[in-house]
Amino acid sequence: DEISDNIVEQLIAAGVDINCTNNEGVTALHMALKKNKENVVQVLLRKGPDVRIQDNYGNTALHYACTADEISDNIVEQLIAAGVDINCTNNEGVTALHMAL
């Protein structure tokens, strides 16, 4: 929603590290994808996050996008354009393609 977008933009303007991870290796981009916050994903992608970061389970932003309920194809295209490894496997040997099926 618009409030989330504004908060994220304010934090980025204040110098927050958009590639920072939590104790599970999850970035803000991962979390926004998981929570179907497409507007927040757009804000983050405009700031050039490292889309190749894997969480502690080996999942990339593309893995999260492919399991999200309401993320558009456009987001997947943007992740690919930003350099996400489309063939990356997680710790269980699963690619984003497998997760999308």
PDB file of N, CA and C in Angstrom:
ATOM      1  N   ASP A   1       0.817  -1.184   0.000  1.00  0.00           N
ATOM      2  CA  ASP A   1       0.000   0.000   0.000  1.00  0.00           C
ATOM      3  C   ASP A   1       0.864   1.252   0.000  1.00  0.00           C
ATOM      4  N   GLU A   2       0.232   2.382  -0.191  1.00  0.00           N
ATOM      5  CA  GLU A   2       0.962   3.647  -0.342  1.00  0.00           C
ATOM      6  C   GLU A   2       1.766   3.999   0.901  1.00  0.00           C
ATOM      7  N   ILE A   3       1.248   3.674   2.079  1.00  0.00           N
ATOM      8  CA  ILE A   3       1.968   3.972   3.324  1.00  0.00           C
ATOM      9  C   ILE A   3       3.279   3.205   3.366  1.00  0.00           C
ATOM     10  N   SER A   4       3.246   1.913   3.023  1.00  0.00           N
ATOM     11  CA  SER A   4       4.466   1.109   2.990  1.00  0.00           C
ATOM     12  C   SER A   4       5.471   1.681   2.006  1.00  0.00           C
ATOM     13  N   ASP A   5       4.988   2.075   0.824  1.00  0.00           N
ATOM     14  CA  ASP A   5       5.869   2.659  -0.190  1.00  0.00           C
ATOM     15  C   ASP A   5       6.591   3.878   0.369  1.00  0.00           C
ATOM     16  N   ASN A   6       5.830   4.762   1.005  1.00  0.00           N
ATOM     17  CA  ASN A   6       6.409   5.993   1.544  1.00  0.00           C
ATOM     18  C   ASN A   6       7.422   5.706   2.639  1.00  0.00           C
ATOM     19  N   ILE A   7       7.114   4.774   3.518  1.00  0.00           N
ATOM     20  CA  ILE A   7       8.040   4.426   4.598  1.00  0.00           C
ATOM     21  C   ILE A   7       9.331   3.865   4.021  1.00  0.00           C
ATOM     22  N   VAL A   8       9.209   2.961   3.061  1.00  0.00           N
ATOM     23  CA  VAL A   8      10.395   2.370   2.435  1.00  0.00           C
ATOM     24  C   VAL A   8      11.229   3.454   1.753  1.00  0.00           C
ATOM     25  N   GLU A   9      10.584   4.345   1.028  1.00  0.00           N
ATOM     26  CA  GLU A   9      11.319   5.423   0.364  1.00  0.00           C
ATOM     27  C   GLU A   9      12.017   6.329   1.371  1.00  0.00           C
ATOM     28  N   GLN A  10      11.374   6.621   2.495  1.00  0.00           N
ATOM     29  CA  GLN A  10      11.989   7.453   3.538  1.00  0.00           C
ATOM     30  C   GLN A  10      13.203   6.754   4.145  1.00  0.00           C
ATOM     31  N   LEU A  11      13.090   5.466   4.404  1.00  0.00           N
ATOM     32  CA  LEU A  11      14.215   4.722   4.973  1.00  0.00           C
ATOM     33  C   LEU A  11      15.388   4.660   4.001  1.00  0.00           C
ATOM     34  N   ILE A  12      15.094   4.453   2.729  1.00  0.00           N
ATOM     35  CA  ILE A  12      16.156   4.425   1.723  1.00  0.00           C
ATOM     36  C   ILE A  12      16.826   5.789   1.629  1.00  0.00           C
ATOM     37  N   ALA A  13      16.033   6.849   1.630  1.00  0.00           N
ATOM     38  CA  ALA A  13      16.582   8.209   1.582  1.00  0.00           C
ATOM     39  C   ALA A  13      17.455   8.494   2.797  1.00  0.00           C
ATOM     40  N   ALA A  14      17.140   7.866   3.925  1.00  0.00           N
ATOM     41  CA  ALA A  14      17.917   8.063   5.151  1.00  0.00           C
ATOM     42  C   ALA A  14      19.189   7.218   5.164  1.00  0.00           C
ATOM     43  N   GLY A  15      19.352   6.353   4.158  1.00  0.00           N
ATOM     44  CA  GLY A  15      20.592   5.599   4.034  1.00  0.00           C
ATOM     45  C   GLY A  15      20.538   4.144   4.453  1.00  0.00           C
ATOM     46  N   VAL A  16      19.340   3.585   4.608  1.00  0.00           N
ATOM     47  CA  VAL A  16      19.236   2.178   4.988  1.00  0.00           C
ATOM     48  C   VAL A  16      19.878   1.302   3.905  1.00  0.00           C
ATOM     49  N   ASP A  17      20.499   0.213   4.326  1.00  0.00           N
ATOM     50  CA  ASP A  17      21.112  -0.741   3.402  1.00  0.00           C
ATOM     51  C   ASP A  17      20.021  -1.681   2.896  1.00  0.00           C
ATOM     52  N   ILE A  18      19.628  -1.548   1.634  1.00  0.00           N
ATOM     53  CA  ILE A  18      18.535  -2.370   1.112  1.00  0.00           C
ATOM     54  C   ILE A  18      18.934  -3.830   0.948  1.00  0.00           C
ATOM     55  N   ASN A  19      20.226  -4.132   1.036  1.00  0.00           N
ATOM     56  CA  ASN A  19      20.689  -5.513   0.926  1.00  0.00           C
ATOM     57  C   ASN A  19      20.902  -6.178   2.283  1.00  0.00           C
ATOM     58  N   CYS A  20      20.607  -5.453   3.352  1.00  0.00           N
ATOM     59  CA  CYS A  20      20.756  -5.995   4.698  1.00  0.00           C
ATOM     60  C   CYS A  20      19.835  -7.206   4.857  1.00  0.00           C
ATOM     61  N   THR A  21      20.310  -8.223   5.563  1.00  0.00           N
ATOM     62  CA  THR A  21      19.512  -9.429   5.775  1.00  0.00           C
ATOM     63  C   THR A  21      19.187  -9.615   7.251  1.00  0.00           C
ATOM     64  N   ASN A  22      18.105 -10.353   7.500  1.00  0.00           N
ATOM     65  CA  ASN A  22      17.776 -10.701   8.883  1.00  0.00           C
ATOM     66  C   ASN A  22      18.495 -11.994   9.257  1.00  0.00           C
ATOM     67  N   ASN A  23      18.157 -12.569  10.411  1.00  0.00           N
ATOM     68  CA  ASN A  23      18.867 -13.761  10.876  1.00  0.00           C
ATOM     69  C   ASN A  23      18.601 -14.994  10.008  1.00  0.00           C
ATOM     70  N   GLU A  24      17.654 -14.916   9.088  1.00  0.00           N
ATOM     71  CA  GLU A  24      17.395 -16.016   8.160  1.00  0.00           C
ATOM     72  C   GLU A  24      17.923 -15.711   6.757  1.00  0.00           C
ATOM     73  N   GLY A  25      18.673 -14.611   6.638  1.00  0.00           N
ATOM     74  CA  GLY A  25      19.240 -14.240   5.351  1.00  0.00           C
ATOM     75  C   GLY A  25      18.256 -13.584   4.402  1.00  0.00           C
ATOM     76  N   VAL A  26      17.106 -13.172   4.918  1.00  0.00           N
ATOM     77  CA  VAL A  26      16.044 -12.588   4.104  1.00  0.00           C
ATOM     78  C   VAL A  26      16.254 -11.082   3.968  1.00  0.00           C
ATOM     79  N   THR A  27      16.216 -10.590   2.735  1.00  0.00           N
ATOM     80  CA  THR A  27      16.344  -9.158   2.465  1.00  0.00           C
ATOM     81  C   THR A  27      14.959  -8.510   2.434  1.00  0.00           C
ATOM     82  N   ALA A  28      14.947  -7.199   2.374  1.00  0.00           N
ATOM     83  CA  ALA A  28      13.680  -6.471   2.239  1.00  0.00           C
ATOM     84  C   ALA A  28      12.974  -6.860   0.941  1.00  0.00           C
ATOM     85  N   LEU A  29      13.739  -7.072  -0.117  1.00  0.00           N
ATOM     86  CA  LEU A  29      13.151  -7.485  -1.392  1.00  0.00           C
ATOM     87  C   LEU A  29      12.477  -8.844  -1.251  1.00  0.00           C
ATOM     88  N   HIS A  30      13.169  -9.786  -0.613  1.00  0.00           N
ATOM     89  CA  HIS A  30      12.572 -11.106  -0.383  1.00  0.00           C
ATOM     90  C   HIS A  30      11.250 -10.972   0.369  1.00  0.00           C
ATOM     91  N   MET A  31      11.270 -10.177   1.444  1.00  0.00           N
ATOM     92  CA  MET A  31      10.082 -10.028   2.288  1.00  0.00           C
ATOM     93  C   MET A  31       8.934  -9.369   1.524  1.00  0.00           C
ATOM     94  N   ALA A  32       9.248  -8.342   0.742  1.00  0.00           N
ATOM     95  CA  ALA A  32       8.207  -7.665  -0.038  1.00  0.00           C
ATOM     96  C   ALA A  32       7.584  -8.620  -1.053  1.00  0.00           C
ATOM     97  N   LEU A  33       8.403  -9.456  -1.669  1.00  0.00           N
ATOM     98  CA  LEU A  33       7.884 -10.446  -2.613  1.00  0.00           C
ATOM     99  C   LEU A  33       7.007 -11.460  -1.892  1.00  0.00           C
ATOM    100  N   LYS A  34       7.485 -11.942  -0.756  1.00  0.00           N
ATOM    101  CA  LYS A  34       6.737 -12.934   0.023  1.00  0.00           C
ATOM    102  C   LYS A  34       5.371 -12.403   0.450  1.00  0.00           C
ATOM    103  N   LYS A  35       5.324 -11.109   0.778  1.00  0.00           N
ATOM    104  CA  LYS A  35       4.082 -10.499   1.260  1.00  0.00           C
ATOM    105  C   LYS A  35       3.242  -9.878   0.141  1.00  0.00           C
ATOM    106  N   ASN A  36       3.626 -10.142  -1.110  1.00  0.00           N
ATOM    107  CA  ASN A  36       2.884  -9.628  -2.271  1.00  0.00           C
ATOM    108  C   ASN A  36       2.778  -8.103  -2.281  1.00  0.00           C
ATOM    109  N   LYS A  37       3.812  -7.421  -1.822  1.00  0.00           N
ATOM    110  CA  LYS A  37       3.839  -5.955  -1.793  1.00  0.00           C
ATOM    111  C   LYS A  37       4.512  -5.459  -3.073  1.00  0.00           C
ATOM    112  N   GLU A  38       3.789  -5.555  -4.176  1.00  0.00           N
ATOM    113  CA  GLU A  38       4.380  -5.241  -5.478  1.00  0.00           C
ATOM    114  C   GLU A  38       4.870  -3.803  -5.565  1.00  0.00           C
ATOM    115  N   ASN A  39       4.164  -2.863  -4.971  1.00  0.00           N
ATOM    116  CA  ASN A  39       4.616  -1.467  -5.010  1.00  0.00           C
ATOM    117  C   ASN A  39       5.939  -1.298  -4.281  1.00  0.00           C
ATOM    118  N   VAL A  40       6.098  -1.970  -3.145  1.00  0.00           N
ATOM    119  CA  VAL A  40       7.364  -1.910  -2.401  1.00  0.00           C
ATOM    120  C   VAL A  40       8.464  -2.578  -3.217  1.00  0.00           C
ATOM    121  N   VAL A  41       8.150  -3.691  -3.865  1.00  0.00           N
ATOM    122  CA  VAL A  41       9.122  -4.360  -4.734  1.00  0.00           C
ATOM    123  C   VAL A  41       9.603  -3.389  -5.808  1.00  0.00           C
ATOM    124  N   GLN A  42       8.682  -2.644  -6.409  1.00  0.00           N
ATOM    125  CA  GLN A  42       9.045  -1.666  -7.445  1.00  0.00           C
ATOM    126  C   GLN A  42       9.986  -0.602  -6.884  1.00  0.00           C
ATOM    127  N   VAL A  43       9.679  -0.097  -5.687  1.00  0.00           N
ATOM    128  CA  VAL A  43      10.533   0.916  -5.050  1.00  0.00           C
ATOM    129  C   VAL A  43      11.930   0.349  -4.847  1.00  0.00           C
ATOM    130  N   LEU A  44      12.016  -0.855  -4.309  1.00  0.00           N
ATOM    131  CA  LEU A  44      13.317  -1.474  -4.047  1.00  0.00           C
ATOM    132  C   LEU A  44      14.078  -1.737  -5.338  1.00  0.00           C
ATOM    133  N   LEU A  45      13.407  -2.248  -6.355  1.00  0.00           N
ATOM    134  CA  LEU A  45      14.087  -2.545  -7.619  1.00  0.00           C
ATOM    135  C   LEU A  45      14.647  -1.292  -8.275  1.00  0.00           C
ATOM    136  N   ARG A  46      13.977  -0.170  -8.109  1.00  0.00           N
ATOM    137  CA  ARG A  46      14.499   1.094  -8.667  1.00  0.00           C
ATOM    138  C   ARG A  46      15.808   1.508  -7.990  1.00  0.00           C
ATOM    139  N   LYS A  47      16.049   1.010  -6.791  1.00  0.00           N
ATOM    140  CA  LYS A  47      17.256   1.378  -6.039  1.00  0.00           C
ATOM    141  C   LYS A  47      18.416   0.420  -6.285  1.00  0.00           C
ATOM    142  N   GLY A  48      18.207  -0.590  -7.110  1.00  0.00           N
ATOM    143  CA  GLY A  48      19.295  -1.481  -7.509  1.00  0.00           C
ATOM    144  C   GLY A  48      19.772  -2.458  -6.452  1.00  0.00           C
ATOM    145  N   PRO A  49      18.883  -3.230  -5.867  1.00  0.00           N
ATOM    146  CA  PRO A  49      19.315  -4.209  -4.868  1.00  0.00           C
ATOM    147  C   PRO A  49      20.106  -5.344  -5.514  1.00  0.00           C
ATOM    148  N   ASP A  50      20.840  -6.073  -4.707  1.00  0.00           N
ATOM    149  CA  ASP A  50      21.545  -7.260  -5.181  1.00  0.00           C
ATOM    150  C   ASP A  50      20.525  -8.398  -5.239  1.00  0.00           C
ATOM    151  N   VAL A  51      20.023  -8.683  -6.423  1.00  0.00           N
ATOM    152  CA  VAL A  51      18.972  -9.691  -6.584  1.00  0.00           C
ATOM    153  C   VAL A  51      19.514 -11.114  -6.511  1.00  0.00           C
ATOM    154  N   ARG A  52      20.842 -11.252  -6.424  1.00  0.00           N
ATOM    155  CA  ARG A  52      21.449 -12.582  -6.364  1.00  0.00           C
ATOM    156  C   ARG A  52      21.618 -13.094  -4.932  1.00  0.00           C
ATOM    157  N   ILE A  53      21.290 -12.267  -3.945  1.00  0.00           N
ATOM    158  CA  ILE A  53      21.423 -12.696  -2.550  1.00  0.00           C
ATOM    159  C   ILE A  53      20.503 -13.881  -2.292  1.00  0.00           C
ATOM    160  N   GLN A  54      21.063 -14.903  -1.645  1.00  0.00           N
ATOM    161  CA  GLN A  54      20.288 -16.079  -1.257  1.00  0.00           C
ATOM    162  C   GLN A  54      20.057 -16.052   0.251  1.00  0.00           C
ATOM    163  N   ASP A  55      18.860 -16.454   0.674  1.00  0.00           N
ATOM    164  CA  ASP A  55      18.596 -16.549   2.107  1.00  0.00           C
ATOM    165  C   ASP A  55      19.280 -17.804   2.660  1.00  0.00           C
ATOM    166  N   ASN A  56      19.110 -18.082   3.931  1.00  0.00           N
ATOM    167  CA  ASN A  56      19.773 -19.229   4.555  1.00  0.00           C
ATOM    168  C   ASN A  56      19.353 -20.565   3.953  1.00  0.00           C
ATOM    169  N   TYR A  57      18.255 -20.578   3.221  1.00  0.00           N
ATOM    170  CA  TYR A  57      17.759 -21.796   2.579  1.00  0.00           C
ATOM    171  C   TYR A  57      18.141 -21.849   1.102  1.00  0.00           C
ATOM    172  N   GLY A  58      18.881 -20.835   0.655  1.00  0.00           N
ATOM    173  CA  GLY A  58      19.348 -20.794  -0.719  1.00  0.00           C
ATOM    174  C   GLY A  58      18.392 -20.144  -1.700  1.00  0.00           C
ATOM    175  N   ASN A  59      17.286 -19.581  -1.203  1.00  0.00           N
ATOM    176  CA  ASN A  59      16.299 -18.958  -2.086  1.00  0.00           C
ATOM    177  C   ASN A  59      16.710 -17.541  -2.466  1.00  0.00           C
ATOM    178  N   THR A  60      16.547 -17.218  -3.748  1.00  0.00           N
ATOM    179  CA  THR A  60      16.799 -15.868  -4.245  1.00  0.00           C
ATOM    180  C   THR A  60      15.470 -15.117  -4.350  1.00  0.00           C
ATOM    181  N   ALA A  61      15.560 -13.873  -4.748  1.00  0.00           N
ATOM    182  CA  ALA A  61      14.347 -13.082  -4.976  1.00  0.00           C
ATOM    183  C   ALA A  61      13.453 -13.753  -6.015  1.00  0.00           C
ATOM    184  N   LEU A  62      14.051 -14.412  -6.990  1.00  0.00           N
ATOM    185  CA  LEU A  62      13.257 -15.085  -8.022  1.00  0.00           C
ATOM    186  C   LEU A  62      12.475 -16.257  -7.432  1.00  0.00           C
ATOM    187  N   HIS A  63      13.087 -16.995  -6.512  1.00  0.00           N
ATOM    188  CA  HIS A  63      12.360 -18.071  -5.824  1.00  0.00           C
ATOM    189  C   HIS A  63      11.133 -17.497  -5.112  1.00  0.00           C
ATOM    190  N   TYR A  64      11.343 -16.382  -4.408  1.00  0.00           N
ATOM    191  CA  TYR A  64      10.225 -15.748  -3.697  1.00  0.00           C
ATOM    192  C   TYR A  64       9.150 -15.273  -4.672  1.00  0.00           C
ATOM    193  N   ALA A  65       9.566 -14.681  -5.780  1.00  0.00           N
ATOM    194  CA  ALA A  65       8.601 -14.179  -6.762  1.00  0.00           C
ATOM    195  C   ALA A  65       7.774 -15.315  -7.358  1.00  0.00           C
ATOM    196  N   CYS A  66       8.414 -16.443  -7.581  1.00  0.00           N
ATOM    197  CA  CYS A  66       7.719 -17.570  -8.214  1.00  0.00           C
ATOM    198  C   CYS A  66       6.773 -18.298  -7.267  1.00  0.00           C
ATOM    199  N   THR A  67       6.857 -18.021  -5.981  1.00  0.00           N
ATOM    200  CA  THR A  67       5.931 -18.641  -5.028  1.00  0.00           C
ATOM    201  C   THR A  67       4.913 -17.643  -4.488  1.00  0.00           C
ATOM    202  N   ALA A  68       5.040 -16.389  -4.870  1.00  0.00           N
ATOM    203  CA  ALA A  68       4.109 -15.358  -4.396  1.00  0.00           C
ATOM    204  C   ALA A  68       2.763 -15.508  -5.097  1.00  0.00           C
ATOM    205  N   ASP A  69       1.713 -15.172  -4.390  1.00  0.00           N
ATOM    206  CA  ASP A  69       0.362 -15.322  -4.933  1.00  0.00           C
ATOM    207  C   ASP A  69       0.000 -14.264  -5.966  1.00  0.00           C
ATOM    208  N   GLU A  70       0.490 -13.047  -5.782  1.00  0.00           N
ATOM    209  CA  GLU A  70      -0.018 -11.942  -6.596  1.00  0.00           C
ATOM    210  C   GLU A  70       1.066 -11.095  -7.259  1.00  0.00           C
ATOM    211  N   ILE A  71       2.236 -11.644  -7.475  1.00  0.00           N
ATOM    212  CA  ILE A  71       3.312 -10.882  -8.110  1.00  0.00           C
ATOM    213  C   ILE A  71       3.182 -11.021  -9.629  1.00  0.00           C
ATOM    214  N   SER A  72       3.282  -9.916 -10.332  1.00  0.00           N
ATOM    215  CA  SER A  72       3.071  -9.911 -11.783  1.00  0.00           C
ATOM    216  C   SER A  72       4.285 -10.444 -12.542  1.00  0.00           C
ATOM    217  N   ASP A  73       4.024 -10.831 -13.778  1.00  0.00           N
ATOM    218  CA  ASP A  73       5.094 -11.281 -14.667  1.00  0.00           C
ATOM    219  C   ASP A  73       6.125 -10.180 -14.865  1.00  0.00           C
ATOM    220  N   ASN A  74       5.676  -8.933 -14.816  1.00  0.00           N
ATOM    221  CA  ASN A  74       6.567  -7.793 -14.982  1.00  0.00           C
ATOM    222  C   ASN A  74       7.666  -7.792 -13.915  1.00  0.00           C
ATOM    223  N   ILE A  75       7.324  -8.162 -12.704  1.00  0.00           N
ATOM    224  CA  ILE A  75       8.322  -8.216 -11.624  1.00  0.00           C
ATOM    225  C   ILE A  75       9.364  -9.280 -11.936  1.00  0.00           C
ATOM    226  N   VAL A  76       8.922 -10.437 -12.398  1.00  0.00           N
ATOM    227  CA  VAL A  76       9.859 -11.501 -12.763  1.00  0.00           C
ATOM    228  C   VAL A  76      10.789 -11.006 -13.868  1.00  0.00           C
ATOM    229  N   GLU A  77      10.245 -10.326 -14.857  1.00  0.00           N
ATOM    230  CA  GLU A  77      11.065  -9.770 -15.938  1.00  0.00           C
ATOM    231  C   GLU A  77      12.086  -8.776 -15.397  1.00  0.00           C
ATOM    232  N   GLN A  78      11.675  -7.947 -14.444  1.00  0.00           N
ATOM    233  CA  GLN A  78      12.591  -6.962 -13.858  1.00  0.00           C
ATOM    234  C   GLN A  78      13.700  -7.646 -13.062  1.00  0.00           C
ATOM    235  N   LEU A  79      13.370  -8.709 -12.351  1.00  0.00           N
ATOM    236  CA  LEU A  79      14.391  -9.449 -11.603  1.00  0.00           C
ATOM    237  C   LEU A  79      15.414 -10.056 -12.558  1.00  0.00           C
ATOM    238  N   ILE A  80      14.936 -10.612 -13.652  1.00  0.00           N
ATOM    239  CA  ILE A  80      15.841 -11.189 -14.648  1.00  0.00           C
ATOM    240  C   ILE A  80      16.723 -10.100 -15.250  1.00  0.00           C
ATOM    241  N   ALA A  81      16.135  -8.960 -15.591  1.00  0.00           N
ATOM    242  CA  ALA A  81      16.904  -7.839 -16.143  1.00  0.00           C
ATOM    243  C   ALA A  81      17.930  -7.317 -15.143  1.00  0.00           C
ATOM    244  N   ALA A  82      17.628  -7.433 -13.849  1.00  0.00           N
ATOM    245  CA  ALA A  82      18.536  -6.954 -12.804  1.00  0.00           C
ATOM    246  C   ALA A  82      19.669  -7.942 -12.525  1.00  0.00           C
ATOM    247  N   GLY A  83      19.620  -9.114 -13.156  1.00  0.00           N
ATOM    248  CA  GLY A  83      20.736 -10.043 -13.051  1.00  0.00           C
ATOM    249  C   GLY A  83      20.543 -11.235 -12.142  1.00  0.00           C
ATOM    250  N   VAL A  84      19.305 -11.538 -11.752  1.00  0.00           N
ATOM    251  CA  VAL A  84      19.084 -12.716 -10.916  1.00  0.00           C
ATOM    252  C   VAL A  84      19.494 -13.964 -11.703  1.00  0.00           C
ATOM    253  N   ASP A  85      20.062 -14.936 -11.018  1.00  0.00           N
ATOM    254  CA  ASP A  85      20.484 -16.183 -11.654  1.00  0.00           C
ATOM    255  C   ASP A  85      19.258 -17.081 -11.810  1.00  0.00           C
ATOM    256  N   ILE A  86      18.767 -17.219 -13.031  1.00  0.00           N
ATOM    257  CA  ILE A  86      17.531 -17.974 -13.259  1.00  0.00           C
ATOM    258  C   ILE A  86      17.707 -19.474 -13.033  1.00  0.00           C
ATOM    259  N   ASN A  87      18.946 -19.949 -13.028  1.00  0.00           N
ATOM    260  CA  ASN A  87      19.207 -21.373 -12.837  1.00  0.00           C
ATOM    261  C   ASN A  87      19.681 -21.717 -11.431  1.00  0.00           C
ATOM    262  N   CYS A  88      19.690 -20.736 -10.551  1.00  0.00           N
ATOM    263  CA  CYS A  88      20.164 -20.944  -9.186  1.00  0.00           C
ATOM    264  C   CYS A  88      19.269 -21.951  -8.463  1.00  0.00           C
ATOM    265  N   THR A  89      19.892 -22.898  -7.793  1.00  0.00           N
ATOM    266  CA  THR A  89      19.134 -23.850  -6.983  1.00  0.00           C
ATOM    267  C   THR A  89      19.254 -23.480  -5.513  1.00  0.00           C
ATOM    268  N   ASN A  90      18.201 -23.758  -4.759  1.00  0.00           N
ATOM    269  CA  ASN A  90      18.264 -23.524  -3.315  1.00  0.00           C
ATOM    270  C   ASN A  90      18.927 -24.724  -2.646  1.00  0.00           C
ATOM    271  N   ASN A  91      18.933 -24.751  -1.335  1.00  0.00           N
ATOM    272  CA  ASN A  91      19.624 -25.814  -0.600  1.00  0.00           C
ATOM    273  C   ASN A  91      19.038 -27.199  -0.849  1.00  0.00           C
ATOM    274  N   GLU A  92      17.813 -27.251  -1.353  1.00  0.00           N
ATOM    275  CA  GLU A  92      17.175 -28.531  -1.663  1.00  0.00           C
ATOM    276  C   GLU A  92      17.310 -28.893  -3.141  1.00  0.00           C
ATOM    277  N   GLY A  93      18.078 -28.081  -3.884  1.00  0.00           N
ATOM    278  CA  GLY A  93      18.281 -28.338  -5.303  1.00  0.00           C
ATOM    279  C   GLY A  93      17.130 -27.899  -6.184  1.00  0.00           C
ATOM    280  N   VAL A  94      16.287 -27.006  -5.666  1.00  0.00           N
ATOM    281  CA  VAL A  94      15.089 -26.560  -6.374  1.00  0.00           C
ATOM    282  C   VAL A  94      15.342 -25.196  -7.018  1.00  0.00           C
ATOM    283  N   THR A  95      14.996 -25.075  -8.299  1.00  0.00           N
ATOM    284  CA  THR A  95      15.107 -23.792  -8.991  1.00  0.00           C
ATOM    285  C   THR A  95      13.798 -23.017  -8.854  1.00  0.00           C
ATOM    286  N   ALA A  96      13.839 -21.759  -9.246  1.00  0.00           N
ATOM    287  CA  ALA A  96      12.624 -20.939  -9.237  1.00  0.00           C
ATOM    288  C   ALA A  96      11.578 -21.526 -10.185  1.00  0.00           C
ATOM    289  N   LEU A  97      12.021 -22.087 -11.295  1.00  0.00           N
ATOM    290  CA  LEU A  97      11.087 -22.711 -12.233  1.00  0.00           C
ATOM    291  C   LEU A  97      10.310 -23.829 -11.549  1.00  0.00           C
ATOM    292  N   HIS A  98      11.019 -24.666 -10.796  1.00  0.00           N
ATOM    293  CA  HIS A  98      10.335 -25.744 -10.062  1.00  0.00           C
ATOM    294  C   HIS A  98       9.276 -25.175  -9.123  1.00  0.00           C
ATOM    295  N   MET A  99       9.620 -24.077  -8.462  1.00  0.00           N
ATOM    296  CA  MET A  99       8.695 -23.480  -7.497  1.00  0.00           C
ATOM    297  C   MET A  99       7.485 -22.854  -8.184  1.00  0.00           C
ATOM    298  N   ALA A 100       7.659 -22.417  -9.419  1.00  0.00           N
ATOM    299  CA  ALA A 100       6.568 -21.772 -10.150  1.00  0.00           C
ATOM    300  C   ALA A 100       5.514 -22.773 -10.622  1.00  0.00           C
ATOM    301  N   LEU A 101       5.886 -24.021 -10.694  1.00  0.00           N
ATOM    302  CA  LEU A 101       4.966 -25.053 -11.217  1.00  0.00           C
ATOM    303  C   LEU A 101       4.002 -25.555 -10.171  1.00  0.00           C
TER     304      LEU A 101
END
